[in-house]
């Protein structure tokens, strides 16, 4: 998995985990990036978390790669596992408006459908 894909996976999981687990990640990331470096990255994660709480999905519009727009939603499996559905595309093909207005909502509905199957 590329570092950018790995980073985007962290965003989706960060939005879906408990506050206690989030604090563990915060501490580990601060140790890795330093207080100042982690603060910058955490601001983006907090924006994504606010989007997730408000809309049920999070977006990355050129944040991890300026040429890529993406949306993601977590899926909570019955055994407690958290997975994610994502859609990412070059920004010249899929605008932030299209992701926010259509695709991200469809991902959220699909995640709900998968969860309702009792997987």
PDB file of N, CA and C in Angstrom:
ATOM      1  N   UNK A   1       0.843  -1.161   0.000  1.00  0.00           N
ATOM      2  CA  UNK A   1       0.000   0.000   0.000  1.00  0.00           C
ATOM      3  C   UNK A   1       0.896   1.234   0.000  1.00  0.00           C
ATOM      4  N   UNK A   2       0.571   2.193  -0.858  1.00  0.00           N
ATOM      5  CA  UNK A   2       1.392   3.397  -0.934  1.00  0.00           C
ATOM      6  C   UNK A   2       1.189   4.254   0.306  1.00  0.00           C
ATOM      7  N   UNK A   3       2.154   5.122   0.637  1.00  0.00           N
ATOM      8  CA  UNK A   3       1.991   5.988   1.808  1.00  0.00           C
ATOM      9  C   UNK A   3       0.740   6.860   1.722  1.00  0.00           C
ATOM     10  N   UNK A   4       0.388   7.328   0.513  1.00  0.00           N
ATOM     11  CA  UNK A   4      -0.804   8.167   0.378  1.00  0.00           C
ATOM     12  C   UNK A   4      -2.063   7.365   0.646  1.00  0.00           C
ATOM     13  N   UNK A   5      -2.143   6.137   0.109  1.00  0.00           N
ATOM     14  CA  UNK A   5      -3.304   5.290   0.378  1.00  0.00           C
ATOM     15  C   UNK A   5      -3.364   4.946   1.856  1.00  0.00           C
ATOM     16  N   UNK A   6      -2.211   4.683   2.447  1.00  0.00           N
ATOM     17  CA  UNK A   6      -2.156   4.367   3.864  1.00  0.00           C
ATOM     18  C   UNK A   6      -2.630   5.551   4.702  1.00  0.00           C
ATOM     19  N   UNK A   7      -2.212   6.746   4.339  1.00  0.00           N
ATOM     20  CA  UNK A   7      -2.631   7.947   5.060  1.00  0.00           C
ATOM     21  C   UNK A   7      -4.136   8.142   4.951  1.00  0.00           C
ATOM     22  N   UNK A   8      -4.682   7.935   3.771  1.00  0.00           N
ATOM     23  CA  UNK A   8      -6.125   8.111   3.589  1.00  0.00           C
ATOM     24  C   UNK A   8      -6.879   7.062   4.388  1.00  0.00           C
ATOM     25  N   UNK A   9      -6.369   5.850   4.492  1.00  0.00           N
ATOM     26  CA  UNK A   9      -6.995   4.831   5.328  1.00  0.00           C
ATOM     27  C   UNK A   9      -7.017   5.269   6.778  1.00  0.00           C
ATOM     28  N   UNK A  10      -5.941   5.913   7.240  1.00  0.00           N
ATOM     29  CA  UNK A  10      -5.897   6.432   8.606  1.00  0.00           C
ATOM     30  C   UNK A  10      -7.013   7.444   8.825  1.00  0.00           C
ATOM     31  N   UNK A  11      -7.275   8.290   7.851  1.00  0.00           N
ATOM     32  CA  UNK A  11      -8.334   9.302   7.987  1.00  0.00           C
ATOM     33  C   UNK A  11      -9.672   8.624   8.226  1.00  0.00           C
ATOM     34  N   UNK A  12     -10.011   7.632   7.421  1.00  0.00           N
ATOM     35  CA  UNK A  12     -11.302   6.956   7.565  1.00  0.00           C
ATOM     36  C   UNK A  12     -11.414   6.254   8.909  1.00  0.00           C
ATOM     37  N   UNK A  13     -10.353   5.574   9.300  1.00  0.00           N
ATOM     38  CA  UNK A  13     -10.387   4.871  10.585  1.00  0.00           C
ATOM     39  C   UNK A  13     -10.430   5.855  11.749  1.00  0.00           C
ATOM     40  N   UNK A  14      -9.702   6.951  11.641  1.00  0.00           N
ATOM     41  CA  UNK A  14      -9.683   7.967  12.685  1.00  0.00           C
ATOM     42  C   UNK A  14     -11.092   8.490  12.942  1.00  0.00           C
ATOM     43  N   UNK A  15     -11.878   8.592  11.892  1.00  0.00           N
ATOM     44  CA  UNK A  15     -13.252   9.082  12.027  1.00  0.00           C
ATOM     45  C   UNK A  15     -14.168   8.070  12.698  1.00  0.00           C
ATOM     46  N   UNK A  16     -13.860   6.805  12.575  1.00  0.00           N
ATOM     47  CA  UNK A  16     -14.784   5.765  13.019  1.00  0.00           C
ATOM     48  C   UNK A  16     -14.477   5.183  14.393  1.00  0.00           C
ATOM     49  N   UNK A  17     -13.282   5.395  14.924  1.00  0.00           N
ATOM     50  CA  UNK A  17     -12.902   4.745  16.178  1.00  0.00           C
ATOM     51  C   UNK A  17     -13.356   5.545  17.395  1.00  0.00           C
ATOM     52  N   UNK A  18     -13.213   4.946  18.546  1.00  0.00           N
ATOM     53  CA  UNK A  18     -13.609   5.598  19.795  1.00  0.00           C
ATOM     54  C   UNK A  18     -12.623   6.713  20.151  1.00  0.00           C
ATOM     55  N   UNK A  19     -13.063   7.595  21.038  1.00  0.00           N
ATOM     56  CA  UNK A  19     -12.182   8.675  21.505  1.00  0.00           C
ATOM     57  C   UNK A  19     -10.925   8.107  22.164  1.00  0.00           C
ATOM     58  N   UNK A  20     -11.080   7.037  22.929  1.00  0.00           N
ATOM     59  CA  UNK A  20      -9.931   6.429  23.605  1.00  0.00           C
ATOM     60  C   UNK A  20      -8.898   5.943  22.586  1.00  0.00           C
ATOM     61  N   UNK A  21      -9.362   5.261  21.549  1.00  0.00           N
ATOM     62  CA  UNK A  21      -8.448   4.780  20.503  1.00  0.00           C
ATOM     63  C   UNK A  21      -7.837   5.952  19.745  1.00  0.00           C
ATOM     64  N   UNK A  22      -8.612   7.002  19.549  1.00  0.00           N
ATOM     65  CA  UNK A  22      -8.119   8.193  18.853  1.00  0.00           C
ATOM     66  C   UNK A  22      -6.974   8.835  19.637  1.00  0.00           C
ATOM     67  N   UNK A  23      -7.067   8.847  20.958  1.00  0.00           N
ATOM     68  CA  UNK A  23      -5.994   9.411  21.792  1.00  0.00           C
ATOM     69  C   UNK A  23      -4.709   8.592  21.670  1.00  0.00           C
ATOM     70  N   UNK A  24      -4.845   7.275  21.543  1.00  0.00           N
ATOM     71  CA  UNK A  24      -3.673   6.429  21.353  1.00  0.00           C
ATOM     72  C   UNK A  24      -2.981   6.797  20.038  1.00  0.00           C
ATOM     73  N   UNK A  25      -3.769   6.982  18.994  1.00  0.00           N
ATOM     74  CA  UNK A  25      -3.203   7.387  17.700  1.00  0.00           C
ATOM     75  C   UNK A  25      -2.571   8.766  17.805  1.00  0.00           C
ATOM     76  N   UNK A  26      -3.255   9.697  18.463  1.00  0.00           N
ATOM     77  CA  UNK A  26      -2.709  11.055  18.627  1.00  0.00           C
ATOM     78  C   UNK A  26      -1.323  11.007  19.272  1.00  0.00           C
ATOM     79  N   UNK A  27      -1.200  10.232  20.341  1.00  0.00           N
ATOM     80  CA  UNK A  27       0.086  10.143  21.042  1.00  0.00           C
ATOM     81  C   UNK A  27       1.170   9.537  20.153  1.00  0.00           C
ATOM     82  N   UNK A  28       0.822   8.475  19.429  1.00  0.00           N
ATOM     83  CA  UNK A  28       1.804   7.826  18.557  1.00  0.00           C
ATOM     84  C   UNK A  28       2.219   8.746  17.413  1.00  0.00           C
ATOM     85  N   UNK A  29       1.272   9.464  16.841  1.00  0.00           N
ATOM     86  CA  UNK A  29       1.583  10.359  15.722  1.00  0.00           C
ATOM     87  C   UNK A  29       2.387  11.575  16.182  1.00  0.00           C
ATOM     88  N   UNK A  30       2.095  12.061  17.365  1.00  0.00           N
ATOM     89  CA  UNK A  30       2.888  13.177  17.895  1.00  0.00           C
ATOM     90  C   UNK A  30       4.331  12.737  18.132  1.00  0.00           C
ATOM     91  N   UNK A  31       4.504  11.511  18.615  1.00  0.00           N
ATOM     92  CA  UNK A  31       5.856  10.994  18.810  1.00  0.00           C
ATOM     93  C   UNK A  31       6.576  10.839  17.467  1.00  0.00           C
ATOM     94  N   UNK A  32       5.846  10.442  16.441  1.00  0.00           N
ATOM     95  CA  UNK A  32       6.446  10.224  15.131  1.00  0.00           C
ATOM     96  C   UNK A  32       6.763  11.544  14.409  1.00  0.00           C
ATOM     97  N   UNK A  33       5.816  12.497  14.401  1.00  0.00           N
ATOM     98  CA  UNK A  33       5.955  13.718  13.605  1.00  0.00           C
ATOM     99  C   UNK A  33       6.413  14.932  14.406  1.00  0.00           C
ATOM    100  N   UNK A  34       6.441  14.820  15.725  1.00  0.00           N
ATOM    101  CA  UNK A  34       6.733  15.978  16.560  1.00  0.00           C
ATOM    102  C   UNK A  34       5.456  16.780  16.773  1.00  0.00           C
ATOM    103  N   UNK A  35       5.445  17.586  17.809  1.00  0.00           N
ATOM    104  CA  UNK A  35       4.223  18.312  18.176  1.00  0.00           C
ATOM    105  C   UNK A  35       3.726  19.206  17.038  1.00  0.00           C
ATOM    106  N   UNK A  36       4.616  19.948  16.414  1.00  0.00           N
ATOM    107  CA  UNK A  36       4.206  20.884  15.360  1.00  0.00           C
ATOM    108  C   UNK A  36       3.744  20.146  14.098  1.00  0.00           C
ATOM    109  N   UNK A  37       4.492  19.133  13.686  1.00  0.00           N
ATOM    110  CA  UNK A  37       4.123  18.369  12.497  1.00  0.00           C
ATOM    111  C   UNK A  37       2.813  17.635  12.667  1.00  0.00           C
ATOM    112  N   UNK A  38       2.597  17.070  13.846  1.00  0.00           N
ATOM    113  CA  UNK A  38       1.346  16.354  14.101  1.00  0.00           C
ATOM    114  C   UNK A  38       0.178  17.317  14.167  1.00  0.00           C
ATOM    115  N   UNK A  39       0.354  18.503  14.711  1.00  0.00           N
ATOM    116  CA  UNK A  39      -0.735  19.469  14.805  1.00  0.00           C
ATOM    117  C   UNK A  39      -1.299  19.787  13.423  1.00  0.00           C
ATOM    118  N   UNK A  40      -0.419  19.967  12.438  1.00  0.00           N
ATOM    119  CA  UNK A  40      -0.874  20.261  11.075  1.00  0.00           C
ATOM    120  C   UNK A  40      -1.674  19.102  10.494  1.00  0.00           C
ATOM    121  N   UNK A  41      -1.191  17.891  10.664  1.00  0.00           N
ATOM    122  CA  UNK A  41      -1.889  16.717  10.156  1.00  0.00           C
ATOM    123  C   UNK A  41      -3.196  16.488  10.910  1.00  0.00           C
ATOM    124  N   UNK A  42      -3.183  16.734  12.210  1.00  0.00           N
ATOM    125  CA  UNK A  42      -4.375  16.500  13.010  1.00  0.00           C
ATOM    126  C   UNK A  42      -5.502  17.451  12.631  1.00  0.00           C
ATOM    127  N   UNK A  43      -5.172  18.674  12.228  1.00  0.00           N
ATOM    128  CA  UNK A  43      -6.211  19.619  11.803  1.00  0.00           C
ATOM    129  C   UNK A  43      -7.016  19.049  10.645  1.00  0.00           C
ATOM    130  N   UNK A  44      -6.332  18.435   9.676  1.00  0.00           N
ATOM    131  CA  UNK A  44      -7.027  17.806   8.556  1.00  0.00           C
ATOM    132  C   UNK A  44      -7.881  16.637   8.993  1.00  0.00           C
ATOM    133  N   UNK A  45      -7.366  15.832   9.934  1.00  0.00           N
ATOM    134  CA  UNK A  45      -8.141  14.709  10.455  1.00  0.00           C
ATOM    135  C   UNK A  45      -9.378  15.186  11.207  1.00  0.00           C
ATOM    136  N   UNK A  46      -9.230  16.261  11.952  1.00  0.00           N
ATOM    137  CA  UNK A  46     -10.384  16.794  12.691  1.00  0.00           C
ATOM    138  C   UNK A  46     -11.452  17.326  11.733  1.00  0.00           C
ATOM    139  N   UNK A  47     -11.026  17.969  10.638  1.00  0.00           N
ATOM    140  CA  UNK A  47     -12.002  18.421   9.629  1.00  0.00           C
ATOM    141  C   UNK A  47     -12.736  17.225   9.039  1.00  0.00           C
ATOM    142  N   UNK A  48     -11.991  16.166   8.748  1.00  0.00           N
ATOM    143  CA  UNK A  48     -12.608  14.960   8.203  1.00  0.00           C
ATOM    144  C   UNK A  48     -13.576  14.349   9.212  1.00  0.00           C
ATOM    145  N   UNK A  49     -13.199  14.358  10.470  1.00  0.00           N
ATOM    146  CA  UNK A  49     -14.074  13.807  11.515  1.00  0.00           C
ATOM    147  C   UNK A  49     -15.357  14.620  11.646  1.00  0.00           C
ATOM    148  N   UNK A  50     -15.245  15.943  11.560  1.00  0.00           N
ATOM    149  CA  UNK A  50     -16.441  16.799  11.601  1.00  0.00           C
ATOM    150  C   UNK A  50     -17.355  16.499  10.413  1.00  0.00           C
ATOM    151  N   UNK A  51     -16.763  16.342   9.225  1.00  0.00           N
ATOM    152  CA  UNK A  51     -17.559  15.969   8.046  1.00  0.00           C
ATOM    153  C   UNK A  51     -18.248  14.636   8.263  1.00  0.00           C
ATOM    154  N   UNK A  52     -17.508  13.678   8.830  1.00  0.00           N
ATOM    155  CA  UNK A  52     -18.087  12.363   9.068  1.00  0.00           C
ATOM    156  C   UNK A  52     -19.262  12.455  10.042  1.00  0.00           C
ATOM    157  N   UNK A  53     -19.094  13.183  11.118  1.00  0.00           N
ATOM    158  CA  UNK A  53     -20.166  13.310  12.106  1.00  0.00           C
ATOM    159  C   UNK A  53     -21.373  14.043  11.534  1.00  0.00           C
ATOM    160  N   UNK A  54     -21.140  15.001  10.682  1.00  0.00           N
ATOM    161  CA  UNK A  54     -22.229  15.807  10.114  1.00  0.00           C
ATOM    162  C   UNK A  54     -22.895  15.119   8.924  1.00  0.00           C
ATOM    163  N   UNK A  55     -22.088  14.481   8.051  1.00  0.00           N
ATOM    164  CA  UNK A  55     -22.613  13.968   6.785  1.00  0.00           C
ATOM    165  C   UNK A  55     -22.561  12.452   6.641  1.00  0.00           C
ATOM    166  N   UNK A  56     -21.785  11.768   7.503  1.00  0.00           N
ATOM    167  CA  UNK A  56     -21.657  10.322   7.391  1.00  0.00           C
ATOM    168  C   UNK A  56     -20.546   9.879   6.452  1.00  0.00           C
ATOM    169  N   UNK A  57     -19.756  10.817   5.956  1.00  0.00           N
ATOM    170  CA  UNK A  57     -18.616  10.508   5.096  1.00  0.00           C
ATOM    171  C   UNK A  57     -17.551  11.566   5.310  1.00  0.00           C
ATOM    172  N   UNK A  58     -16.347  11.265   4.857  1.00  0.00           N
ATOM    173  CA  UNK A  58     -15.288  12.270   4.893  1.00  0.00           C
ATOM    174  C   UNK A  58     -14.670  12.392   3.508  1.00  0.00           C
ATOM    175  N   UNK A  59     -14.115  13.547   3.252  1.00  0.00           N
ATOM    176  CA  UNK A  59     -13.544  13.868   1.948  1.00  0.00           C
ATOM    177  C   UNK A  59     -12.087  14.259   2.086  1.00  0.00           C
ATOM    178  N   UNK A  60     -11.348  14.025   1.040  1.00  0.00           N
ATOM    179  CA  UNK A  60     -10.003  14.557   0.908  1.00  0.00           C
ATOM    180  C   UNK A  60      -9.933  15.154  -0.490  1.00  0.00           C
ATOM    181  N   UNK A  61      -9.966  16.458  -0.555  1.00  0.00           N
ATOM    182  CA  UNK A  61      -9.971  17.153  -1.842  1.00  0.00           C
ATOM    183  C   UNK A  61      -8.595  17.751  -2.072  1.00  0.00           C
ATOM    184  N   UNK A  62      -7.705  16.900  -2.551  1.00  0.00           N
ATOM    185  CA  UNK A  62      -6.345  17.335  -2.833  1.00  0.00           C
ATOM    186  C   UNK A  62      -5.457  17.498  -1.620  1.00  0.00           C
ATOM    187  N   UNK A  63      -5.870  17.013  -0.452  1.00  0.00           N
ATOM    188  CA  UNK A  63      -5.081  17.208   0.764  1.00  0.00           C
ATOM    189  C   UNK A  63      -3.862  16.285   0.831  1.00  0.00           C
ATOM    190  N   UNK A  64      -4.019  15.024   0.461  1.00  0.00           N
ATOM    191  CA  UNK A  64      -2.899  14.076   0.536  1.00  0.00           C
ATOM    192  C   UNK A  64      -2.125  14.060  -0.769  1.00  0.00           C
ATOM    193  N   UNK A  65      -2.831  14.327  -1.868  1.00  0.00           N
ATOM    194  CA  UNK A  65      -2.216  14.464  -3.190  1.00  0.00           C
ATOM    195  C   UNK A  65      -3.043  15.506  -3.923  1.00  0.00           C
ATOM    196  N   UNK A  66      -2.419  16.574  -4.339  1.00  0.00           N
ATOM    197  CA  UNK A  66      -3.176  17.700  -4.914  1.00  0.00           C
ATOM    198  C   UNK A  66      -3.949  17.328  -6.173  1.00  0.00           C
ATOM    199  N   UNK A  67      -3.621  16.199  -6.794  1.00  0.00           N
ATOM    200  CA  UNK A  67      -4.293  15.773  -8.018  1.00  0.00           C
ATOM    201  C   UNK A  67      -5.404  14.756  -7.790  1.00  0.00           C
ATOM    202  N   UNK A  68      -5.639  14.391  -6.542  1.00  0.00           N
ATOM    203  CA  UNK A  68      -6.601  13.330  -6.234  1.00  0.00           C
ATOM    204  C   UNK A  68      -7.690  13.844  -5.289  1.00  0.00           C
ATOM    205  N   UNK A  69      -8.941  13.585  -5.660  1.00  0.00           N
ATOM    206  CA  UNK A  69     -10.082  13.826  -4.788  1.00  0.00           C
ATOM    207  C   UNK A  69     -10.626  12.470  -4.356  1.00  0.00           C
ATOM    208  N   UNK A  70     -11.028  12.360  -3.099  1.00  0.00           N
ATOM    209  CA  UNK A  70     -11.529  11.077  -2.620  1.00  0.00           C
ATOM    210  C   UNK A  70     -12.566  11.266  -1.526  1.00  0.00           C
ATOM    211  N   UNK A  71     -13.396  10.236  -1.384  1.00  0.00           N
ATOM    212  CA  UNK A  71     -14.415  10.192  -0.335  1.00  0.00           C
ATOM    213  C   UNK A  71     -14.324   8.820   0.321  1.00  0.00           C
ATOM    214  N   UNK A  72     -14.683   8.760   1.590  1.00  0.00           N
ATOM    215  CA  UNK A  72     -14.643   7.484   2.291  1.00  0.00           C
ATOM    216  C   UNK A  72     -15.680   7.398   3.385  1.00  0.00           C
ATOM    217  N   UNK A  73     -16.100   6.172   3.651  1.00  0.00           N
ATOM    218  CA  UNK A  73     -17.042   5.892   4.740  1.00  0.00           C
ATOM    219  C   UNK A  73     -16.594   4.618   5.452  1.00  0.00           C
ATOM    220  N   UNK A  74     -16.760   4.564   6.762  1.00  0.00           N
ATOM    221  CA  UNK A  74     -16.428   3.327   7.474  1.00  0.00           C
ATOM    222  C   UNK A  74     -17.575   2.324   7.399  1.00  0.00           C
ATOM    223  N   UNK A  75     -17.222   1.075   7.541  1.00  0.00           N
ATOM    224  CA  UNK A  75     -18.205   0.003   7.677  1.00  0.00           C
ATOM    225  C   UNK A  75     -17.880  -0.706   8.983  1.00  0.00           C
ATOM    226  N   UNK A  76     -18.861  -0.816   9.854  1.00  0.00           N
ATOM    227  CA  UNK A  76     -18.697  -1.482  11.144  1.00  0.00           C
ATOM    228  C   UNK A  76     -19.255  -2.898  11.016  1.00  0.00           C
ATOM    229  N   UNK A  77     -18.366  -3.880  11.074  1.00  0.00           N
ATOM    230  CA  UNK A  77     -18.796  -5.270  10.968  1.00  0.00           C
ATOM    231  C   UNK A  77     -19.259  -5.779  12.328  1.00  0.00           C
ATOM    232  N   UNK A  78     -20.029  -6.857  12.300  1.00  0.00           N
ATOM    233  CA  UNK A  78     -20.591  -7.389  13.545  1.00  0.00           C
ATOM    234  C   UNK A  78     -19.533  -7.841  14.536  1.00  0.00           C
ATOM    235  N   UNK A  79     -18.380  -8.266  14.055  1.00  0.00           N
ATOM    236  CA  UNK A  79     -17.332  -8.732  14.974  1.00  0.00           C
ATOM    237  C   UNK A  79     -16.497  -7.585  15.540  1.00  0.00           C
ATOM    238  N   UNK A  80     -16.888  -6.336  15.235  1.00  0.00           N
ATOM    239  CA  UNK A  80     -16.177  -5.174  15.754  1.00  0.00           C
ATOM    240  C   UNK A  80     -15.123  -4.620  14.813  1.00  0.00           C
ATOM    241  N   UNK A  81     -14.852  -5.325  13.727  1.00  0.00           N
ATOM    242  CA  UNK A  81     -13.889  -4.846  12.746  1.00  0.00           C
ATOM    243  C   UNK A  81     -14.426  -3.599  12.056  1.00  0.00           C
ATOM    244  N   UNK A  82     -13.546  -2.642  11.827  1.00  0.00           N
ATOM    245  CA  UNK A  82     -13.912  -1.450  11.074  1.00  0.00           C
ATOM    246  C   UNK A  82     -13.165  -1.487   9.748  1.00  0.00           C
ATOM    247  N   UNK A  83     -13.915  -1.421   8.668  1.00  0.00           N
ATOM    248  CA  UNK A  83     -13.341  -1.377   7.328  1.00  0.00           C
ATOM    249  C   UNK A  83     -13.824  -0.090   6.663  1.00  0.00           C
ATOM    250  N   UNK A  84     -13.428   0.126   5.423  1.00  0.00           N
ATOM    251  CA  UNK A  84     -13.829   1.357   4.755  1.00  0.00           C
ATOM    252  C   UNK A  84     -14.140   1.115   3.284  1.00  0.00           C
ATOM    253  N   UNK A  85     -15.082   1.922   2.792  1.00  0.00           N
ATOM    254  CA  UNK A  85     -15.330   2.012   1.362  1.00  0.00           C
ATOM    255  C   UNK A  85     -14.816   3.371   0.915  1.00  0.00           C
ATOM    256  N   UNK A  86     -14.120   3.395  -0.201  1.00  0.00           N
ATOM    257  CA  UNK A  86     -13.583   4.656  -0.696  1.00  0.00           C
ATOM    258  C   UNK A  86     -13.817   4.792  -2.189  1.00  0.00           C
ATOM    259  N   UNK A  87     -13.773   6.024  -2.618  1.00  0.00           N
ATOM    260  CA  UNK A  87     -13.784   6.344  -4.039  1.00  0.00           C
ATOM    261  C   UNK A  87     -12.764   7.448  -4.227  1.00  0.00           C
ATOM    262  N   UNK A  88     -11.786   7.200  -5.079  1.00  0.00           N
ATOM    263  CA  UNK A  88     -10.748   8.193  -5.350  1.00  0.00           C
ATOM    264  C   UNK A  88     -10.549   8.285  -6.855  1.00  0.00           C
ATOM    265  N   UNK A  89     -10.309   9.495  -7.319  1.00  0.00           N
ATOM    266  CA  UNK A  89     -10.129   9.709  -8.753  1.00  0.00           C
ATOM    267  C   UNK A  89      -9.314  10.973  -8.980  1.00  0.00           C
ATOM    268  N   UNK A  90      -8.699  11.080 -10.144  1.00  0.00           N
ATOM    269  CA  UNK A  90      -7.998  12.327 -10.464  1.00  0.00           C
ATOM    270  C   UNK A  90      -8.971  13.510 -10.398  1.00  0.00           C
ATOM    271  N   UNK A  91      -8.507  14.600  -9.837  1.00  0.00           N
ATOM    272  CA  UNK A  91      -9.381  15.763  -9.643  1.00  0.00           C
ATOM    273  C   UNK A  91      -9.916  16.334 -10.949  1.00  0.00           C
ATOM    274  N   UNK A  92      -9.231  16.113 -12.062  1.00  0.00           N
ATOM    275  CA  UNK A  92      -9.738  16.623 -13.332  1.00  0.00           C
ATOM    276  C   UNK A  92     -10.898  15.774 -13.865  1.00  0.00           C
ATOM    277  N   UNK A  93     -11.078  14.552 -13.317  1.00  0.00           N
ATOM    278  CA  UNK A  93     -12.192  13.697 -13.726  1.00  0.00           C
ATOM    279  C   UNK A  93     -13.380  13.776 -12.773  1.00  0.00           C
ATOM    280  N   UNK A  94     -13.105  13.886 -11.483  1.00  0.00           N
ATOM    281  CA  UNK A  94     -14.173  13.931 -10.471  1.00  0.00           C
ATOM    282  C   UNK A  94     -13.932  15.139  -9.584  1.00  0.00           C
ATOM    283  N   UNK A  95     -14.817  16.100  -9.680  1.00  0.00           N
ATOM    284  CA  UNK A  95     -14.685  17.333  -8.893  1.00  0.00           C
ATOM    285  C   UNK A  95     -15.078  17.093  -7.440  1.00  0.00           C
ATOM    286  N   UNK A  96     -14.649  18.002  -6.589  1.00  0.00           N
ATOM    287  CA  UNK A  96     -15.067  17.958  -5.196  1.00  0.00           C
ATOM    288  C   UNK A  96     -16.572  18.071  -5.064  1.00  0.00           C
ATOM    289  N   UNK A  97     -17.191  18.890  -5.912  1.00  0.00           N
ATOM    290  CA  UNK A  97     -18.656  19.045  -5.884  1.00  0.00           C
ATOM    291  C   UNK A  97     -19.359  17.726  -6.186  1.00  0.00           C
ATOM    292  N   UNK A  98     -18.859  16.992  -7.195  1.00  0.00           N
ATOM    293  CA  UNK A  98     -19.483  15.713  -7.549  1.00  0.00           C
ATOM    294  C   UNK A  98     -19.318  14.704  -6.414  1.00  0.00           C
ATOM    295  N   UNK A  99     -18.134  14.672  -5.794  1.00  0.00           N
ATOM    296  CA  UNK A  99     -17.929  13.774  -4.658  1.00  0.00           C
ATOM    297  C   UNK A  99     -18.873  14.122  -3.514  1.00  0.00           C
ATOM    298  N   UNK A 100     -18.905  15.398  -3.155  1.00  0.00           N
ATOM    299  CA  UNK A 100     -19.707  15.843  -2.015  1.00  0.00           C
ATOM    300  C   UNK A 100     -21.204  15.704  -2.303  1.00  0.00           C
ATOM    301  N   UNK A 101     -21.616  16.041  -3.522  1.00  0.00           N
ATOM    302  CA  UNK A 101     -23.043  16.082  -3.834  1.00  0.00           C
ATOM    303  C   UNK A 101     -23.672  14.762  -4.204  1.00  0.00           C
ATOM    304  N   UNK A 102     -22.870  13.788  -4.623  1.00  0.00           N
ATOM    305  CA  UNK A 102     -23.454  12.548  -5.112  1.00  0.00           C
ATOM    306  C   UNK A 102     -22.709  11.296  -4.626  1.00  0.00           C
ATOM    307  N   UNK A 103     -21.462  11.178  -5.010  1.00  0.00           N
ATOM    308  CA  UNK A 103     -20.734   9.931  -4.788  1.00  0.00           C
ATOM    309  C   UNK A 103     -20.587   9.596  -3.303  1.00  0.00           C
ATOM    310  N   UNK A 104     -20.225  10.566  -2.482  1.00  0.00           N
ATOM    311  CA  UNK A 104     -20.030  10.300  -1.051  1.00  0.00           C
ATOM    312  C   UNK A 104     -21.326   9.847  -0.390  1.00  0.00           C
ATOM    313  N   UNK A 105     -22.445  10.441  -0.775  1.00  0.00           N
ATOM    314  CA  UNK A 105     -23.731  10.022  -0.214  1.00  0.00           C
ATOM    315  C   UNK A 105     -24.062   8.586  -0.628  1.00  0.00           C
ATOM    316  N   UNK A 106     -23.737   8.238  -1.877  1.00  0.00           N
ATOM    317  CA  UNK A 106     -23.980   6.870  -2.339  1.00  0.00           C
ATOM    318  C   UNK A 106     -23.092   5.877  -1.592  1.00  0.00           C
ATOM    319  N   UNK A 107     -21.839   6.264  -1.307  1.00  0.00           N
ATOM    320  CA  UNK A 107     -20.959   5.407  -0.506  1.00  0.00           C
ATOM    321  C   UNK A 107     -21.548   5.181   0.889  1.00  0.00           C
ATOM    322  N   UNK A 108     -22.054   6.248   1.498  1.00  0.00           N
ATOM    323  CA  UNK A 108     -22.636   6.133   2.837  1.00  0.00           C
ATOM    324  C   UNK A 108     -23.845   5.201   2.820  1.00  0.00           C
ATOM    325  N   UNK A 109     -24.681   5.310   1.791  1.00  0.00           N
ATOM    326  CA  UNK A 109     -25.836   4.417   1.679  1.00  0.00           C
ATOM    327  C   UNK A 109     -25.394   2.969   1.477  1.00  0.00           C
ATOM    328  N   UNK A 110     -24.372   2.764   0.653  1.00  0.00           N
ATOM    329  CA  UNK A 110     -23.850   1.423   0.421  1.00  0.00           C
ATOM    330  C   UNK A 110     -23.287   0.821   1.711  1.00  0.00           C
ATOM    331  N   UNK A 111     -22.570   1.616   2.478  1.00  0.00           N
ATOM    332  CA  UNK A 111     -22.042   1.136   3.765  1.00  0.00           C
ATOM    333  C   UNK A 111     -23.189   0.711   4.679  1.00  0.00           C
ATOM    334  N   UNK A 112     -24.243   1.515   4.723  1.00  0.00           N
ATOM    335  CA  UNK A 112     -25.408   1.159   5.530  1.00  0.00           C
ATOM    336  C   UNK A 112     -26.055  -0.136   5.068  1.00  0.00           C
ATOM    337  N   UNK A 113     -26.133  -0.305   3.743  1.00  0.00           N
ATOM    338  CA  UNK A 113     -26.700  -1.544   3.193  1.00  0.00           C
ATOM    339  C   UNK A 113     -25.849  -2.756   3.592  1.00  0.00           C
ATOM    340  N   UNK A 114     -24.538  -2.627   3.492  1.00  0.00           N
ATOM    341  CA  UNK A 114     -23.642  -3.726   3.848  1.00  0.00           C
ATOM    342  C   UNK A 114     -23.791  -4.066   5.331  1.00  0.00           C
ATOM    343  N   UNK A 115     -23.807  -3.023   6.174  1.00  0.00           N
ATOM    344  CA  UNK A 115     -23.962  -3.264   7.614  1.00  0.00           C
ATOM    345  C   UNK A 115     -25.299  -3.934   7.923  1.00  0.00           C
ATOM    346  N   UNK A 116     -26.354  -3.560   7.198  1.00  0.00           N
ATOM    347  CA  UNK A 116     -27.674  -4.131   7.479  1.00  0.00           C
ATOM    348  C   UNK A 116     -27.764  -5.610   7.071  1.00  0.00           C
ATOM    349  N   UNK A 117     -26.829  -6.060   6.243  1.00  0.00           N
ATOM    350  CA  UNK A 117     -26.791  -7.474   5.877  1.00  0.00           C
ATOM    351  C   UNK A 117     -26.283  -8.359   7.013  1.00  0.00           C
ATOM    352  N   UNK A 118     -25.716  -7.729   8.028  1.00  0.00           N
ATOM    353  CA  UNK A 118     -25.227  -8.487   9.169  1.00  0.00           C
ATOM    354  C   UNK A 118     -23.888  -9.154   8.930  1.00  0.00           C
ATOM    355  N   UNK A 119     -23.064  -8.501   8.136  1.00  0.00           N
ATOM    356  CA  UNK A 119     -21.742  -9.036   7.798  1.00  0.00           C
ATOM    357  C   UNK A 119     -20.839  -8.968   9.007  1.00  0.00           C
TER     358      UNK A 119
END
